Amino acid sequence: MKPPYVAGHGLLDDQVVVITAAAGAGIGGATARRCLEEGASILISDAHERRLEESRIGLEREFGSGRVIAQPCDVTDEAQVRALFQRALTHYGRIDVAVNNAGLGGTRDLVEMSDDEWDRVLDVTLNGTMRCTRAALRIMREQGSGVIVNNASVIGWRAQKGQSHYAAAKAGVMALTRCAALEAAESGVRINAVSPSLAMHPHLVKVTSEELLTELTAREAFGRYAEPWEVANVIIFLASDYSSYMTGEVVSVSNQHS
């Protein structure tokens, strides 16, 4: 049974949040909505320009004009990443939170995987997170404050067949989070990560077999997958002052029992 949706409590009142891969119905889209419900103004980004514009229009229609802007960004392109964070800084005057959600998966046994397949997943999921963390940190260091939340995955801890590229990338995101957090602490910036297990959204259904989804769901203690907004709630916690003494942590959003 799905849990009841949690109302906003003003946890991000007057904050400015940048969210990558925020178009559509996945974790990024849910995070954008939760940020608005918690009082933030946001810049949403995605590599898919049409979906991004549709998301911006929908959020602006629901939450009013002035709190939502959008900019396309391919996180594998350093110039686009820099332009993304500069747009937020120019428009809002500061960046309080960056949520690095962009990632790319797939299923392929290692012996059948090409270098291009490996490189593409690593470049989007790990290198893209690094580029966005670096760009945000440069701005936040000058501000003397800020929060960065990276999206990792329990697959960075747990083995799964056909996921060597994605698992390596997500384990790298965890290590990046811990090391960058130590560097950022002296500037008053916190960096943490969430590590979801199975959050269902339309894109996952397209790239994952029904048999595997059934198997993964059966491993969950509650016997169901997470709603994207349940992961977003933990991202909101890490972005808010409720986690003011946390940095360099990877928080599992999971109830797997095996």
Protein backbone atom coordinates (compact mmCIF):
# COMPACT_ATOMS: atom_id res chain seq x y z
CA MET A 1 0.00 0.00 0.00
CA LYS A 2 1.32 3.41 -0.94
CA PRO A 3 2.03 5.78 1.98
CA PRO A 4 0.20 9.11 2.29
CA TYR A 5 1.87 12.06 0.63
CA VAL A 6 3.63 14.37 3.09
CA ALA A 7 2.70 18.06 3.00
CA GLY A 8 5.35 20.79 2.93
CA HIS A 9 6.58 22.37 6.15
CA GLY A 10 8.59 25.34 4.88
CA LEU A 11 11.92 23.53 5.23
CA LEU A 12 13.42 25.43 2.29
CA ASP A 13 11.69 28.78 2.62
CA ASP A 14 13.40 31.44 0.46
CA GLN A 15 16.12 29.02 -0.66
CA VAL A 16 17.40 28.74 -4.23
CA VAL A 17 17.79 25.18 -5.52
CA VAL A 18 19.34 23.87 -8.75
CA ILE A 19 18.23 20.36 -9.76
CA THR A 20 19.64 18.34 -12.66
CA ALA A 21 17.66 15.73 -14.60
CA ALA A 22 14.49 17.28 -13.22
CA ALA A 23 12.09 16.79 -16.13
CA GLY A 24 9.54 14.01 -16.04
CA ALA A 25 8.22 11.75 -13.30
CA GLY A 26 11.44 10.45 -11.73
CA ILE A 27 13.36 11.44 -8.61
CA GLY A 28 14.51 14.74 -10.12
CA GLY A 29 10.98 15.79 -11.01
CA ALA A 30 9.70 14.76 -7.59
CA THR A 31 12.52 16.72 -5.94
CA ALA A 32 11.64 19.84 -7.93
CA ARG A 33 8.04 19.62 -6.76
CA ARG A 34 9.01 18.96 -3.14
CA CYS A 35 11.39 21.95 -3.17
CA LEU A 36 8.57 24.21 -4.33
CA GLU A 37 6.22 22.75 -1.72
CA GLU A 38 8.87 23.49 0.91
CA GLY A 39 9.11 27.15 -0.13
CA ALA A 40 12.12 27.22 -2.47
CA SER A 41 12.67 28.86 -5.84
CA ILE A 42 14.23 26.49 -8.33
CA LEU A 43 16.19 26.13 -11.55
CA ILE A 44 15.40 22.81 -13.19
CA SER A 45 17.62 21.29 -15.83
CA ASP A 46 17.56 18.30 -18.14
CA ALA A 47 19.17 17.14 -21.36
CA HIS A 48 15.70 16.66 -22.90
CA GLU A 49 14.62 20.17 -23.86
CA ARG A 50 10.99 19.40 -24.75
CA ARG A 51 10.31 17.53 -21.51
CA LEU A 52 12.11 20.23 -19.57
CA GLU A 53 9.92 22.97 -20.99
CA GLU A 54 6.79 20.92 -20.34
CA SER A 55 7.90 20.43 -16.73
CA ARG A 56 8.62 24.14 -16.28
CA ILE A 57 5.22 25.12 -17.65
CA GLY A 58 3.44 22.58 -15.45
CA LEU A 59 5.25 23.64 -12.26
CA GLU A 60 4.79 27.33 -13.00
CA ARG A 61 1.09 26.80 -13.62
CA GLU A 62 0.75 25.07 -10.26
CA PHE A 63 3.09 27.14 -8.10
CA GLY A 64 2.98 30.51 -9.82
CA SER A 65 5.45 32.49 -11.89
CA GLY A 66 8.73 33.74 -10.52
CA ARG A 67 9.81 30.60 -8.66
CA VAL A 68 10.67 28.30 -11.56
CA ILE A 69 13.22 28.74 -14.33
CA ALA A 70 14.67 26.09 -16.62
CA GLN A 71 17.81 25.59 -18.64
CA PRO A 72 18.82 22.60 -20.75
CA CYS A 73 22.11 21.02 -19.74
CA ASP A 74 24.11 17.99 -20.82
CA VAL A 75 26.22 17.20 -17.76
CA THR A 76 28.92 15.66 -19.94
CA ASP A 77 29.64 19.15 -21.33
CA GLU A 78 31.66 21.36 -18.97
CA ALA A 79 30.62 24.57 -20.71
CA GLN A 80 26.93 23.71 -20.31
CA VAL A 81 27.43 22.84 -16.64
CA ARG A 82 29.14 26.16 -15.97
CA ALA A 83 26.39 28.02 -17.85
CA LEU A 84 23.72 26.23 -15.83
CA PHE A 85 25.01 27.34 -12.46
CA GLN A 86 25.85 30.81 -13.73
CA ARG A 87 22.23 31.17 -14.92
CA ALA A 88 20.95 30.41 -11.43
CA LEU A 89 23.42 32.82 -9.88
CA THR A 90 22.57 35.58 -12.34
CA HIS A 91 18.80 35.13 -12.03
CA TYR A 92 18.47 34.56 -8.28
CA GLY A 93 21.68 36.13 -6.96
CA ARG A 94 22.83 33.03 -5.10
CA ILE A 95 22.59 29.22 -4.99
CA ASP A 96 21.69 27.64 -1.66
CA VAL A 97 21.27 24.01 -2.74
CA ALA A 98 22.41 21.90 -5.69
CA VAL A 99 20.82 18.50 -6.25
CA ASN A 100 22.92 16.43 -8.66
CA ASN A 101 20.45 13.87 -9.90
CA ALA A 102 21.58 13.24 -13.49
CA GLY A 103 22.57 9.66 -14.18
CA LEU A 104 22.50 6.99 -16.86
CA GLY A 105 22.06 3.26 -16.42
CA GLY A 106 21.55 0.15 -18.52
CA THR A 107 22.00 -3.58 -18.32
CA ARG A 108 24.88 -5.40 -19.97
CA ASP A 109 27.21 -8.17 -18.83
CA LEU A 110 30.78 -6.94 -18.63
CA VAL A 111 32.11 -9.41 -21.22
CA GLU A 112 29.62 -8.02 -23.77
CA MET A 113 30.07 -4.36 -22.84
CA SER A 114 31.86 -2.01 -25.23
CA ASP A 115 34.19 0.75 -24.12
CA ASP A 116 31.66 3.26 -25.41
CA GLU A 117 28.89 1.80 -23.23
CA TRP A 118 31.14 1.87 -20.16
CA ASP A 119 32.39 5.38 -20.88
CA ARG A 120 28.93 6.81 -21.50
CA VAL A 121 27.53 5.60 -18.17
CA LEU A 122 30.61 6.77 -16.27
CA ASP A 123 30.66 10.15 -18.03
CA VAL A 124 27.03 10.98 -17.24
CA THR A 125 26.69 9.38 -13.84
CA LEU A 126 30.07 9.95 -12.20
CA ASN A 127 31.84 12.62 -14.24
CA GLY A 128 28.63 14.61 -14.61
CA THR A 129 28.13 14.59 -10.86
CA MET A 130 31.72 15.70 -10.42
CA ARG A 131 31.31 18.58 -12.90
CA CYS A 132 28.13 19.80 -11.21
CA THR A 133 29.57 19.41 -7.71
CA ARG A 134 32.65 21.37 -8.77
CA ALA A 135 30.62 24.15 -10.40
CA ALA A 136 28.29 24.49 -7.41
CA LEU A 137 31.16 24.37 -4.93
CA ARG A 138 33.02 27.18 -6.67
CA ILE A 139 30.00 29.44 -6.17
CA MET A 140 29.14 28.24 -2.66
CA ARG A 141 32.72 28.61 -1.47
CA GLU A 142 32.58 32.30 -2.35
CA GLN A 143 29.23 32.61 -0.58
CA GLY A 144 30.53 30.83 2.50
CA SER A 145 27.46 28.59 2.58
CA GLY A 146 25.52 26.04 0.60
CA VAL A 147 24.42 22.42 0.39
CA ILE A 148 25.06 19.83 -2.30
CA VAL A 149 23.08 16.58 -2.46
CA ASN A 150 24.22 13.87 -4.87
CA ASN A 151 22.12 10.94 -6.02
CA ALA A 152 23.98 7.66 -5.58
CA SER A 153 22.42 4.19 -5.41
CA VAL A 154 22.47 1.12 -3.21
CA ILE A 155 23.98 -0.64 -6.20
CA GLY A 156 27.19 1.16 -5.27
CA TRP A 157 27.23 -1.19 -2.26
CA ARG A 158 25.36 -4.26 -3.52
CA ALA A 159 26.27 -6.43 -6.47
CA GLN A 160 23.85 -6.98 -9.34
CA LYS A 161 24.50 -8.80 -12.58
CA GLY A 162 24.77 -6.62 -15.66
CA GLN A 163 25.39 -3.45 -13.67
CA SER A 164 29.18 -3.20 -13.43
CA HIS A 165 29.32 0.18 -15.20
CA TYR A 166 26.45 1.72 -13.22
CA ALA A 167 27.64 0.24 -9.92
CA ALA A 168 31.17 1.53 -10.48
CA ALA A 169 29.79 4.99 -11.28
CA LYS A 170 27.55 5.12 -8.23
CA ALA A 171 30.29 3.84 -5.92
CA GLY A 172 32.38 6.64 -7.37
CA VAL A 173 29.64 9.16 -6.54
CA MET A 174 29.77 7.98 -2.93
CA ALA A 175 33.55 8.39 -2.75
CA LEU A 176 33.37 11.76 -4.50
CA THR A 177 30.77 12.91 -1.97
CA ARG A 178 32.90 11.95 1.02
CA CYS A 179 36.13 13.51 -0.27
CA ALA A 180 34.55 16.71 -1.60
CA ALA A 181 32.71 17.16 1.70
CA LEU A 182 35.99 17.38 3.60
CA GLU A 183 37.29 19.97 1.17
CA ALA A 184 34.07 22.00 1.36
CA ALA A 185 33.67 21.98 5.14
CA GLU A 186 36.12 24.80 5.72
CA SER A 187 33.92 27.03 3.54
CA GLY A 188 30.74 26.18 5.41
CA VAL A 189 29.39 23.98 2.62
CA ARG A 190 27.86 20.56 3.26
CA ILE A 191 27.88 17.70 0.74
CA ASN A 192 25.90 14.49 1.24
CA ALA A 193 24.29 11.82 -0.94
CA VAL A 194 21.17 9.70 -1.03
CA SER A 195 21.39 6.06 -2.00
CA PRO A 196 18.00 4.79 -3.22
CA SER A 197 17.22 1.17 -3.89
CA LEU A 198 14.17 0.83 -6.13
CA ALA A 199 12.17 3.96 -6.96
CA MET A 200 9.66 3.33 -9.72
CA HIS A 201 9.24 5.77 -12.60
CA PRO A 202 8.39 5.49 -16.31
CA HIS A 203 12.00 5.54 -17.57
CA LEU A 204 12.98 2.65 -15.29
CA VAL A 205 10.12 0.59 -16.66
CA LYS A 206 11.37 1.19 -20.21
CA VAL A 207 14.95 0.06 -19.55
CA THR A 208 14.33 -2.78 -17.06
CA SER A 209 12.63 -6.11 -17.68
CA GLU A 210 9.41 -6.92 -15.86
CA GLU A 211 11.06 -10.04 -14.43
CA LEU A 212 13.90 -8.06 -12.89
CA LEU A 213 11.56 -5.42 -11.47
CA THR A 214 9.48 -8.15 -9.88
CA GLU A 215 12.60 -9.76 -8.41
CA LEU A 216 13.92 -6.45 -7.03
CA THR A 217 10.54 -5.52 -5.57
CA ALA A 218 10.34 -8.87 -3.81
CA ARG A 219 13.57 -8.03 -1.95
CA GLU A 220 12.03 -4.95 -0.36
CA ALA A 221 10.88 -5.41 3.24
CA PHE A 222 7.63 -3.51 2.58
CA GLY A 223 6.99 -5.59 -0.53
CA ARG A 224 6.83 -2.52 -2.77
CA TYR A 225 9.08 -0.07 -4.56
CA ALA A 226 9.64 3.48 -3.35
CA GLU A 227 7.67 6.36 -4.77
CA PRO A 228 10.05 8.98 -6.25
CA TRP A 229 8.77 11.54 -3.75
CA GLU A 230 9.86 9.30 -0.88
CA VAL A 231 13.45 9.61 -2.11
CA ALA A 232 12.88 13.32 -2.67
CA ASN A 233 11.84 13.68 0.98
CA VAL A 234 15.27 12.47 2.09
CA ILE A 235 16.92 14.84 -0.37
CA ILE A 236 14.88 17.68 1.19
CA PHE A 237 16.05 16.62 4.65
CA LEU A 238 19.69 16.69 3.55
CA ALA A 239 19.16 20.06 1.86
CA SER A 240 17.53 21.58 4.94
CA ASP A 241 18.88 22.85 8.24
CA TYR A 242 17.61 19.67 9.91
CA SER A 243 20.82 17.99 8.68
CA SER A 244 23.11 20.88 9.66
CA TYR A 245 25.70 18.59 11.33
CA MET A 246 25.84 16.07 8.47
CA THR A 247 28.43 16.14 5.73
CA GLY A 248 30.20 13.43 3.74
CA GLU A 249 27.38 10.99 4.49
CA VAL A 250 25.59 8.59 2.15
CA VAL A 251 22.04 7.98 3.36
CA SER A 252 20.38 4.78 2.17
CA VAL A 253 16.75 5.19 1.09
CA SER A 254 15.97 1.51 1.16
CA ASN A 255 14.24 -1.24 3.09
CA GLN A 256 15.85 -4.22 1.42
CA HIS A 257 16.08 -7.29 3.62
CA SER A 258 18.25 -9.46 1.38
